[in-house]
Amino acid sequence: STYEVVAASDGSTDATVNEAGKFSDAGVKVFAYKEHRGKASVLNEVVSECSGEIIVFADARQRFDESTVAELCANFADPEIGAVSGELFIAGSGEQGAGSGLSAYWNIEKWIRKTESRTGSVIGCTGAVYALRKELFQTLHPETVLDDVAVPMNVILAGKRVVFDPAARAWDSEADTATREAARKIRTLAGNIQLCAIYPKLLCPVRNPALLRFFSHKLMRLFAPWLLVLLLASSLFLSSACPFSAVLTLLQLVFYSLAVAGTALGRPRLAMLKLPSAFLLLNVWAAMAPFCYWTGKLSPRWR
């Protein structure tokens, strides 16, 4: 089999283009775009220049296991599969993502992806490691933030499956700072709202066979913080008349007290502080996401 390696620079100002150009004699094609427009615009131009039937997507910072490309491509022996997502790990860490206490969240996310894959299609891919049948790529809206959701969702709308292969691994060499992790999470959550605005077909039950999965996996988490506020308020209101509500109120107040204490410490070591802190932060970010989108702060140009 033959393959080609394509490197695309979205207006990078570091040595990316020069470093990639050193491998031109080995067949590496470099597309250097001077203007920083966003990943979606670059994909629209570069994918059409790729000659292979299967395209493997990667980001610049991560590295693959030696078997990752083969693992991804092996899935396409099934003609019903249109895209395959791999799994991203942080080297030297037990967590898939920066920040203390987020490993529990990622474990749940991983379980959801595995279950979705076994029973139909995964809603979204890991942007740093996934593969696609080129014929299924559709031009993306240039403002698209979550291209790794838009691309696989187009595959599902085309009648093909998107699966998750945990044996296809990519490794990140450095963890995000807490501030960068927050910005990334808020941007991702706001991107889910943007998807509905620029791809309204995703909300059409006639066109989207995975509408229930898309709503429950990508959109319901945006409602979670407000439902939690409603739960606490209703518990407080009923606590004087109902012993169960009084106990429930007390448990919530204790939990949120631990969460605030864990967040104040930054990176607590105790699980009784880490988990509540991560839960609180994830819901605060989810509450902030709609405002990020509505105020026009969401941009496809990530730095």
Protein backbone atom coordinates (compact mmCIF):
# COMPACT_ATOMS: atom_id res chain seq x y z
CA SER A 1 0.00 0.00 0.00
CA THR A 2 1.10 3.60 -0.58
CA TYR A 3 0.67 6.64 1.58
CA GLU A 4 1.53 10.33 1.68
CA VAL A 5 2.22 12.70 4.54
CA VAL A 6 0.74 16.18 4.38
CA ALA A 7 1.56 18.99 6.83
CA ALA A 8 -0.58 22.13 6.91
CA SER A 9 0.27 25.33 8.78
CA ASP A 10 -2.59 27.65 9.73
CA GLY A 11 -0.56 30.85 9.87
CA SER A 12 1.88 29.49 12.46
CA THR A 13 4.60 31.91 13.53
CA ASP A 14 7.05 29.36 14.94
CA ALA A 15 9.40 26.99 13.07
CA THR A 16 6.67 24.52 12.04
CA VAL A 17 6.92 25.17 8.29
CA ASN A 18 10.72 25.08 8.25
CA GLU A 19 10.88 21.88 10.27
CA ALA A 20 8.28 20.14 8.10
CA GLY A 21 10.05 21.34 4.95
CA LYS A 22 13.18 19.44 5.96
CA PHE A 23 11.31 16.23 5.07
CA SER A 24 10.21 17.30 1.60
CA ASP A 25 12.79 14.98 0.00
CA ALA A 26 11.07 12.12 1.86
CA GLY A 27 7.77 13.01 0.21
CA VAL A 28 6.21 15.24 2.87
CA LYS A 29 3.95 17.87 1.31
CA VAL A 30 3.79 21.18 3.16
CA PHE A 31 0.93 23.64 2.81
CA ALA A 32 1.93 26.90 4.46
CA TYR A 33 -0.94 29.35 4.85
CA LYS A 34 0.15 32.80 6.01
CA GLU A 35 -3.24 33.88 7.32
CA HIS A 36 -4.47 32.35 10.58
CA ARG A 37 -8.05 31.41 9.61
CA GLY A 38 -8.87 28.35 11.70
CA LYS A 39 -8.60 24.60 11.26
CA ALA A 40 -11.86 24.20 9.32
CA SER A 41 -10.71 26.47 6.50
CA VAL A 42 -7.39 24.64 6.26
CA LEU A 43 -9.11 21.25 6.16
CA ASN A 44 -11.40 22.41 3.37
CA GLU A 45 -8.39 23.21 1.19
CA VAL A 46 -5.99 20.44 2.16
CA VAL A 47 -8.31 17.44 2.13
CA SER A 48 -9.07 17.99 -1.55
CA GLU A 49 -5.32 17.80 -2.23
CA CYS A 50 -4.91 14.43 -0.55
CA SER A 51 -4.73 11.49 -2.95
CA GLY A 52 -5.54 8.60 -0.63
CA GLU A 53 -8.89 6.93 -0.07
CA ILE A 54 -8.42 7.10 3.70
CA ILE A 55 -7.21 10.21 5.51
CA VAL A 56 -5.65 10.01 8.97
CA PHE A 57 -5.87 13.29 10.90
CA ALA A 58 -3.30 14.35 13.50
CA ASP A 59 -2.32 17.51 15.34
CA ALA A 60 1.24 18.82 15.42
CA ARG A 61 1.98 18.29 19.10
CA GLN A 62 1.00 14.68 19.65
CA ARG A 63 2.82 11.48 18.70
CA PHE A 64 1.33 8.16 17.60
CA ASP A 65 2.12 4.62 18.69
CA GLU A 66 3.81 2.73 15.86
CA SER A 67 0.66 0.69 15.30
CA THR A 68 -1.85 3.57 15.47
CA VAL A 69 -2.25 4.22 11.74
CA ALA A 70 -2.60 0.49 11.03
CA GLU A 71 -5.15 0.15 13.86
CA LEU A 72 -7.23 3.02 12.50
CA CYS A 73 -7.16 1.81 8.91
CA ALA A 74 -7.95 -1.81 9.77
CA ASN A 75 -11.46 -0.75 10.78
CA PHE A 76 -12.29 0.24 7.20
CA ALA A 77 -12.41 -3.42 6.19
CA ASP A 78 -16.05 -3.00 7.23
CA PRO A 79 -17.71 -1.00 4.42
CA GLU A 80 -20.29 0.38 6.87
CA ILE A 81 -17.61 2.27 8.81
CA GLY A 82 -16.92 5.79 7.55
CA ALA A 83 -14.72 7.19 10.32
CA VAL A 84 -12.68 5.88 13.25
CA SER A 85 -11.60 7.73 16.38
CA GLY A 86 -8.51 6.84 18.36
CA GLU A 87 -7.74 7.69 21.97
CA LEU A 88 -5.53 10.47 23.35
CA PHE A 89 -3.34 9.97 26.42
CA ILE A 90 -1.10 12.31 28.38
CA ALA A 91 2.42 10.85 28.66
CA GLY A 92 3.44 10.17 32.25
CA SER A 93 -0.05 10.84 33.59
CA GLY A 94 -2.95 8.69 34.62
CA GLU A 95 -5.32 11.38 33.40
CA GLN A 96 -6.41 12.26 29.90
CA GLY A 97 -6.25 15.97 30.30
CA ALA A 98 -4.68 18.60 32.51
CA GLY A 99 -5.83 19.53 35.95
CA SER A 100 -6.32 17.43 39.04
CA GLY A 101 -9.49 15.42 39.47
CA LEU A 102 -10.61 15.35 35.83
CA SER A 103 -9.68 11.70 35.32
CA ALA A 104 -13.10 10.57 36.57
CA TYR A 105 -14.75 12.73 33.91
CA TRP A 106 -12.55 11.25 31.21
CA ASN A 107 -13.23 7.71 32.40
CA ILE A 108 -16.96 8.35 32.02
CA GLU A 109 -16.41 9.94 28.60
CA LYS A 110 -14.34 6.95 27.50
CA TRP A 111 -17.06 4.54 28.67
CA ILE A 112 -19.69 6.53 26.77
CA ARG A 113 -17.62 6.44 23.58
CA LYS A 114 -17.04 2.70 23.85
CA THR A 115 -20.74 2.08 24.44
CA GLU A 116 -21.75 4.33 21.55
CA SER A 117 -19.29 2.54 19.30
CA ARG A 118 -20.60 -0.91 20.22
CA THR A 119 -24.23 0.07 19.70
CA GLY A 120 -23.99 2.33 16.65
CA SER A 121 -21.88 5.43 16.19
CA VAL A 122 -19.69 7.64 18.35
CA ILE A 123 -20.77 11.29 18.54
CA GLY A 124 -17.50 12.99 17.63
CA CYS A 125 -13.88 11.95 17.25
CA THR A 126 -10.63 12.75 19.03
CA GLY A 127 -9.28 15.53 16.82
CA ALA A 128 -5.64 14.54 17.34
CA VAL A 129 -6.12 10.96 16.15
CA TYR A 130 -8.87 9.84 13.78
CA ALA A 131 -9.35 8.56 10.25
CA LEU A 132 -11.98 9.13 7.56
CA ARG A 133 -12.97 7.87 4.15
CA LYS A 134 -12.07 10.82 1.93
CA GLU A 135 -15.26 10.46 -0.14
CA LEU A 136 -17.30 11.27 3.00
CA PHE A 137 -15.60 14.58 3.77
CA GLN A 138 -17.95 17.52 3.28
CA THR A 139 -16.90 21.16 3.12
CA LEU A 140 -17.03 22.69 6.58
CA HIS A 141 -18.41 26.08 7.50
CA PRO A 142 -15.24 28.23 7.88
CA GLU A 143 -16.24 29.32 11.41
CA THR A 144 -16.56 25.73 12.64
CA VAL A 145 -14.84 25.25 15.98
CA LEU A 146 -15.55 21.54 16.56
CA ASP A 147 -14.43 20.09 13.23
CA ASP A 148 -13.83 16.76 15.01
CA VAL A 149 -17.58 16.63 15.71
CA ALA A 150 -18.84 18.17 12.47
CA VAL A 151 -16.84 15.79 10.25
CA PRO A 152 -17.99 12.54 11.92
CA MET A 153 -21.57 13.81 12.22
CA ASN A 154 -21.57 14.33 8.45
CA VAL A 155 -20.46 10.72 8.16
CA ILE A 156 -23.42 9.60 10.25
CA LEU A 157 -25.79 11.73 8.20
CA ALA A 158 -24.39 10.00 5.10
CA GLY A 159 -25.53 6.65 6.52
CA LYS A 160 -22.15 5.33 7.70
CA ARG A 161 -20.91 4.44 11.19
CA VAL A 162 -18.31 6.23 13.31
CA VAL A 163 -16.49 3.93 15.74
CA PHE A 164 -14.02 4.28 18.60
CA ASP A 165 -10.82 2.20 18.62
CA PRO A 166 -8.92 2.50 21.94
CA ALA A 167 -6.01 0.53 20.44
CA ALA A 168 -5.24 3.51 18.18
CA ARG A 169 -3.33 5.69 20.61
CA ALA A 170 -1.87 9.18 20.46
CA TRP A 171 0.23 10.71 23.21
CA ASP A 172 0.51 14.30 24.32
CA SER A 173 3.86 15.39 25.73
CA GLU A 174 2.67 18.19 27.96
CA ALA A 175 -0.34 18.98 30.06
CA ASP A 176 -2.34 22.18 29.81
CA THR A 177 -2.25 24.77 32.56
CA ALA A 178 -5.43 25.17 34.59
CA THR A 179 -6.23 28.45 32.80
CA ARG A 180 -5.73 26.93 29.35
CA GLU A 181 -7.75 23.85 30.32
CA ALA A 182 -10.65 26.09 31.36
CA ALA A 183 -10.48 28.07 28.11
CA ARG A 184 -10.39 24.85 26.09
CA LYS A 185 -13.36 23.32 27.89
CA ILE A 186 -15.49 26.47 27.61
CA ARG A 187 -14.60 26.76 23.92
CA THR A 188 -15.52 23.13 23.29
CA LEU A 189 -18.86 23.43 25.09
CA ALA A 190 -19.68 26.66 23.29
CA GLY A 191 -18.75 24.92 20.05
CA ASN A 192 -21.61 22.49 20.60
CA ILE A 193 -24.05 25.40 20.50
CA GLN A 194 -22.37 26.71 17.36
CA LEU A 195 -22.80 23.33 15.66
CA CYS A 196 -26.57 23.61 16.03
CA ALA A 197 -26.55 27.13 14.60
CA ILE A 198 -24.42 26.49 11.51
CA TYR A 199 -25.48 22.89 10.90
CA PRO A 200 -29.24 22.90 11.66
CA LYS A 201 -29.58 19.52 9.94
CA LEU A 202 -28.08 17.99 13.08
CA LEU A 203 -31.32 18.82 14.91
CA CYS A 204 -33.56 17.31 12.24
CA PRO A 205 -34.83 13.85 13.31
CA VAL A 206 -35.50 12.92 9.69
CA ARG A 207 -31.91 13.59 8.61
CA ASN A 208 -29.98 12.75 11.78
CA PRO A 209 -30.42 9.11 12.90
CA ALA A 210 -28.22 9.85 15.93
CA LEU A 211 -30.19 12.88 17.11
CA LEU A 212 -30.91 11.42 20.57
CA ARG A 213 -27.24 10.58 21.06
CA PHE A 214 -26.12 13.98 19.84
CA PHE A 215 -28.54 15.76 22.18
CA SER A 216 -27.76 13.64 25.24
CA HIS A 217 -23.98 13.54 24.70
CA LYS A 218 -23.27 17.06 23.46
CA LEU A 219 -26.13 19.32 24.52
CA MET A 220 -27.54 18.00 27.79
CA ARG A 221 -24.33 18.86 29.64
CA LEU A 222 -25.09 22.54 28.95
CA PHE A 223 -28.31 22.18 30.97
CA ALA A 224 -26.63 20.38 33.89
CA PRO A 225 -25.47 23.41 35.94
CA TRP A 226 -28.91 25.03 35.82
CA LEU A 227 -30.61 21.79 36.80
CA LEU A 228 -28.23 21.51 39.76
CA VAL A 229 -29.11 25.05 40.85
CA LEU A 230 -32.81 24.17 40.57
CA LEU A 231 -32.25 21.01 42.62
CA LEU A 232 -30.52 22.92 45.42
CA ALA A 233 -33.15 25.67 45.43
CA SER A 234 -36.07 23.23 45.52
CA SER A 235 -34.39 21.20 48.29
CA LEU A 236 -33.91 24.34 50.35
CA PHE A 237 -37.52 25.38 49.80
CA LEU A 238 -38.87 21.98 50.89
CA SER A 239 -36.38 21.26 53.69
CA SER A 240 -38.52 22.72 56.45
CA ALA A 241 -41.47 20.50 55.60
CA CYS A 242 -39.74 17.33 54.40
CA PRO A 243 -36.97 15.51 56.30
CA PHE A 244 -35.71 13.89 53.09
CA SER A 245 -35.30 17.33 51.48
CA ALA A 246 -33.47 18.56 54.57
CA VAL A 247 -30.98 15.67 54.34
CA LEU A 248 -30.62 16.20 50.60
CA THR A 249 -29.93 19.90 51.16
CA LEU A 250 -27.30 19.11 53.79
CA LEU A 251 -25.55 16.61 51.49
CA GLN A 252 -25.47 19.13 48.65
CA LEU A 253 -24.07 21.87 50.87
CA VAL A 254 -21.35 19.55 52.18
CA PHE A 255 -20.48 18.44 48.66
CA TYR A 256 -20.24 22.00 47.32
CA SER A 257 -18.21 23.06 50.37
CA LEU A 258 -15.69 20.32 49.57
CA ALA A 259 -15.75 21.40 45.93
CA VAL A 260 -15.00 25.03 46.78
CA ALA A 261 -12.23 23.97 49.18
CA GLY A 262 -10.67 21.70 46.56
CA THR A 263 -10.85 24.40 43.91
CA ALA A 264 -9.25 26.94 46.23
CA LEU A 265 -6.33 24.57 46.84
CA GLY A 266 -5.70 24.31 43.09
CA ARG A 267 -4.52 20.69 42.84
CA PRO A 268 -5.70 18.83 45.93
CA ARG A 269 -4.42 15.30 46.51
CA LEU A 270 -7.37 13.93 48.47
CA ALA A 271 -10.06 12.24 46.36
CA MET A 272 -12.74 13.70 48.62
CA LEU A 273 -11.61 17.14 47.38
CA LYS A 274 -10.47 16.32 43.83
CA LEU A 275 -13.71 14.83 42.58
CA PRO A 276 -16.07 17.53 43.93
CA SER A 277 -13.68 20.21 42.66
CA ALA A 278 -13.60 18.73 39.15
CA PHE A 279 -17.39 18.38 39.18
CA LEU A 280 -17.81 22.01 40.19
CA LEU A 281 -15.35 23.32 37.60
CA LEU A 282 -16.89 21.33 34.76
CA ASN A 283 -20.34 22.69 35.57
CA VAL A 284 -19.09 26.27 35.98
CA TRP A 285 -17.46 26.00 32.53
CA ALA A 286 -20.69 24.56 31.11
CA ALA A 287 -22.61 27.53 32.55
CA MET A 288 -20.12 29.96 30.99
CA ALA A 289 -20.18 28.36 27.54
CA PRO A 290 -23.47 29.84 26.26
CA PHE A 291 -22.32 33.34 27.24
CA CYS A 292 -19.05 32.74 25.37
CA TYR A 293 -21.06 31.94 22.26
CA TRP A 294 -23.73 34.64 22.63
CA THR A 295 -21.18 37.41 23.21
CA GLY A 296 -19.28 36.52 20.04
CA LYS A 297 -16.12 35.43 21.85
CA LEU A 298 -16.05 32.03 20.14
CA SER A 299 -13.46 31.96 17.36
CA PRO A 300 -12.21 29.16 15.09
CA ARG A 301 -8.69 30.57 15.49
CA TRP A 302 -7.27 28.72 18.47
CA ARG A 303 -3.82 29.66 19.79
